[in-house]
Amino acid sequence: PIAEEAFFRGFVFQALAKRWSTAAAAGFSGILFGLAHLQPGLILPTVGLGILLAYLFRRSGNLWSSVVAHSGFNALSLSAAL
């Protein structure tokens, strides 16, 4: 989650948000986030997660908030899969 958040929210989202609206930047970075996970059946939920994490990052102004949320999501997903 740290590396993914640094890249998708810290780099991609912020770069897009300088040129586009928050919604467009969150949407496009969320699509890239979903596609990067390479699981066809999970692309849409992962896109949604990416969009939510972008808004959380934008609202908090702190990358750690999205890292913690992403880590929590991964922990819940892993426990549900077991």
C-alpha atoms as a PDB file:
ATOM      1  CA  PRO A   1       0.000   0.000   0.000  1.00  0.00           C
ATOM      2  CA  ILE A   2       2.781   2.502   0.677  1.00  0.00           C
ATOM      3  CA  ALA A   3       4.325   2.226  -2.789  1.00  0.00           C
ATOM      4  CA  GLU A   4       0.927   2.114  -4.527  1.00  0.00           C
ATOM      5  CA  GLU A   5      -0.345   5.161  -2.647  1.00  0.00           C
ATOM      6  CA  ALA A   6       2.856   7.069  -3.284  1.00  0.00           C
ATOM      7  CA  PHE A   7       2.515   6.372  -6.997  1.00  0.00           C
ATOM      8  CA  PHE A   8      -1.246   6.536  -7.638  1.00  0.00           C
ATOM      9  CA  ARG A   9      -2.222   9.287  -5.180  1.00  0.00           C
ATOM     10  CA  GLY A  10       1.083  11.034  -4.502  1.00  0.00           C
ATOM     11  CA  PHE A  11       2.196  11.187  -8.124  1.00  0.00           C
ATOM     12  CA  VAL A  12      -0.562  10.359 -10.658  1.00  0.00           C
ATOM     13  CA  PHE A  13      -3.562  11.919  -8.891  1.00  0.00           C
ATOM     14  CA  GLN A  14      -1.703  15.073  -7.868  1.00  0.00           C
ATOM     15  CA  ALA A  15      -0.290  15.588 -11.365  1.00  0.00           C
ATOM     16  CA  LEU A  16      -3.730  15.167 -12.938  1.00  0.00           C
ATOM     17  CA  ALA A  17      -5.438  17.353 -10.323  1.00  0.00           C
ATOM     18  CA  LYS A  18      -3.193  20.269 -11.320  1.00  0.00           C
ATOM     19  CA  ARG A  19      -4.701  20.173 -14.816  1.00  0.00           C
ATOM     20  CA  TRP A  20      -8.128  18.582 -14.337  1.00  0.00           C
ATOM     21  CA  SER A  21     -10.944  18.756 -11.852  1.00  0.00           C
ATOM     22  CA  THR A  22     -10.701  16.649  -8.701  1.00  0.00           C
ATOM     23  CA  ALA A  23     -13.428  14.342 -10.017  1.00  0.00           C
ATOM     24  CA  ALA A  24     -11.687  13.764 -13.347  1.00  0.00           C
ATOM     25  CA  ALA A  25      -8.298  13.239 -11.694  1.00  0.00           C
ATOM     26  CA  ALA A  26      -9.790  10.836  -9.144  1.00  0.00           C
ATOM     27  CA  GLY A  27     -11.658   8.944 -11.853  1.00  0.00           C
ATOM     28  CA  PHE A  28      -8.715   8.558 -14.201  1.00  0.00           C
ATOM     29  CA  SER A  29      -6.230   7.664 -11.456  1.00  0.00           C
ATOM     30  CA  GLY A  30      -8.820   5.199 -10.097  1.00  0.00           C
ATOM     31  CA  ILE A  31      -9.105   3.544 -13.513  1.00  0.00           C
ATOM     32  CA  LEU A  32      -5.323   3.212 -13.715  1.00  0.00           C
ATOM     33  CA  PHE A  33      -5.273   1.805 -10.173  1.00  0.00           C
ATOM     34  CA  GLY A  34      -7.914  -0.788 -11.072  1.00  0.00           C
ATOM     35  CA  LEU A  35      -6.190  -1.831 -14.273  1.00  0.00           C
ATOM     36  CA  ALA A  36      -2.836  -2.149 -12.504  1.00  0.00           C
ATOM     37  CA  HIS A  37      -4.223  -4.883 -10.274  1.00  0.00           C
ATOM     38  CA  LEU A  38      -4.686  -7.221 -13.276  1.00  0.00           C
ATOM     39  CA  GLN A  39      -7.709  -9.075 -11.909  1.00  0.00           C
ATOM     40  CA  PRO A  40     -10.532  -8.816 -14.467  1.00  0.00           C
ATOM     41  CA  GLY A  41     -13.299  -9.678 -12.014  1.00  0.00           C
ATOM     42  CA  LEU A  42     -12.100  -7.072  -9.528  1.00  0.00           C
ATOM     43  CA  ILE A  43     -11.358  -4.146 -11.837  1.00  0.00           C
ATOM     44  CA  LEU A  44     -14.559  -2.189 -11.096  1.00  0.00           C
ATOM     45  CA  PRO A  45     -14.370  -2.561  -7.299  1.00  0.00           C
ATOM     46  CA  THR A  46     -10.684  -1.669  -7.392  1.00  0.00           C
ATOM     47  CA  VAL A  47     -11.430   1.388  -9.559  1.00  0.00           C
ATOM     48  CA  GLY A  48     -14.004   2.430  -6.953  1.00  0.00           C
ATOM     49  CA  LEU A  49     -11.466   1.958  -4.178  1.00  0.00           C
ATOM     50  CA  GLY A  50      -8.938   4.031  -6.100  1.00  0.00           C
ATOM     51  CA  ILE A  51     -11.448   6.862  -6.483  1.00  0.00           C
ATOM     52  CA  LEU A  52     -12.336   6.765  -2.782  1.00  0.00           C
ATOM     53  CA  LEU A  53      -8.668   6.782  -1.801  1.00  0.00           C
ATOM     54  CA  ALA A  54      -8.055   9.790  -4.053  1.00  0.00           C
ATOM     55  CA  TYR A  55     -10.875  11.716  -2.368  1.00  0.00           C
ATOM     56  CA  LEU A  56      -9.587  10.696   1.064  1.00  0.00           C
ATOM     57  CA  PHE A  57      -6.128  11.917   0.119  1.00  0.00           C
ATOM     58  CA  ARG A  58      -7.511  15.181  -1.278  1.00  0.00           C
ATOM     59  CA  ARG A  59      -9.676  15.809   1.780  1.00  0.00           C
ATOM     60  CA  SER A  60      -6.995  15.007   4.355  1.00  0.00           C
ATOM     61  CA  GLY A  61      -4.054  16.461   2.443  1.00  0.00           C
ATOM     62  CA  ASN A  62      -2.042  13.597   3.885  1.00  0.00           C
ATOM     63  CA  LEU A  63      -0.857  10.520   2.000  1.00  0.00           C
ATOM     64  CA  TRP A  64      -0.776   8.477   5.220  1.00  0.00           C
ATOM     65  CA  SER A  65      -4.561   8.573   5.491  1.00  0.00           C
ATOM     66  CA  SER A  66      -4.911   6.778   2.160  1.00  0.00           C
ATOM     67  CA  VAL A  67      -2.081   4.375   3.069  1.00  0.00           C
ATOM     68  CA  VAL A  68      -3.862   3.405   6.299  1.00  0.00           C
ATOM     69  CA  ALA A  69      -7.225   3.041   4.515  1.00  0.00           C
ATOM     70  CA  HIS A  70      -5.618   0.979   1.735  1.00  0.00           C
ATOM     71  CA  SER A  71      -3.907  -1.244   4.322  1.00  0.00           C
ATOM     72  CA  GLY A  72      -7.207  -1.729   6.137  1.00  0.00           C
ATOM     73  CA  PHE A  73      -8.947  -2.653   2.909  1.00  0.00           C
ATOM     74  CA  ASN A  74      -6.232  -5.184   2.094  1.00  0.00           C
ATOM     75  CA  ALA A  75      -6.475  -6.684   5.588  1.00  0.00           C
ATOM     76  CA  LEU A  76     -10.262  -7.030   5.308  1.00  0.00           C
ATOM     77  CA  SER A  77      -9.953  -8.554   1.832  1.00  0.00           C
ATOM     78  CA  LEU A  78      -7.387 -11.046   3.017  1.00  0.00           C
ATOM     79  CA  SER A  79      -9.424 -12.069   6.056  1.00  0.00           C
ATOM     80  CA  ALA A  80     -12.540 -12.484   3.913  1.00  0.00           C
ATOM     81  CA  ALA A  81     -10.629 -14.689   1.474  1.00  0.00           C
ATOM     82  CA  LEU A  82      -9.490 -17.060   4.237  1.00  0.00           C
END
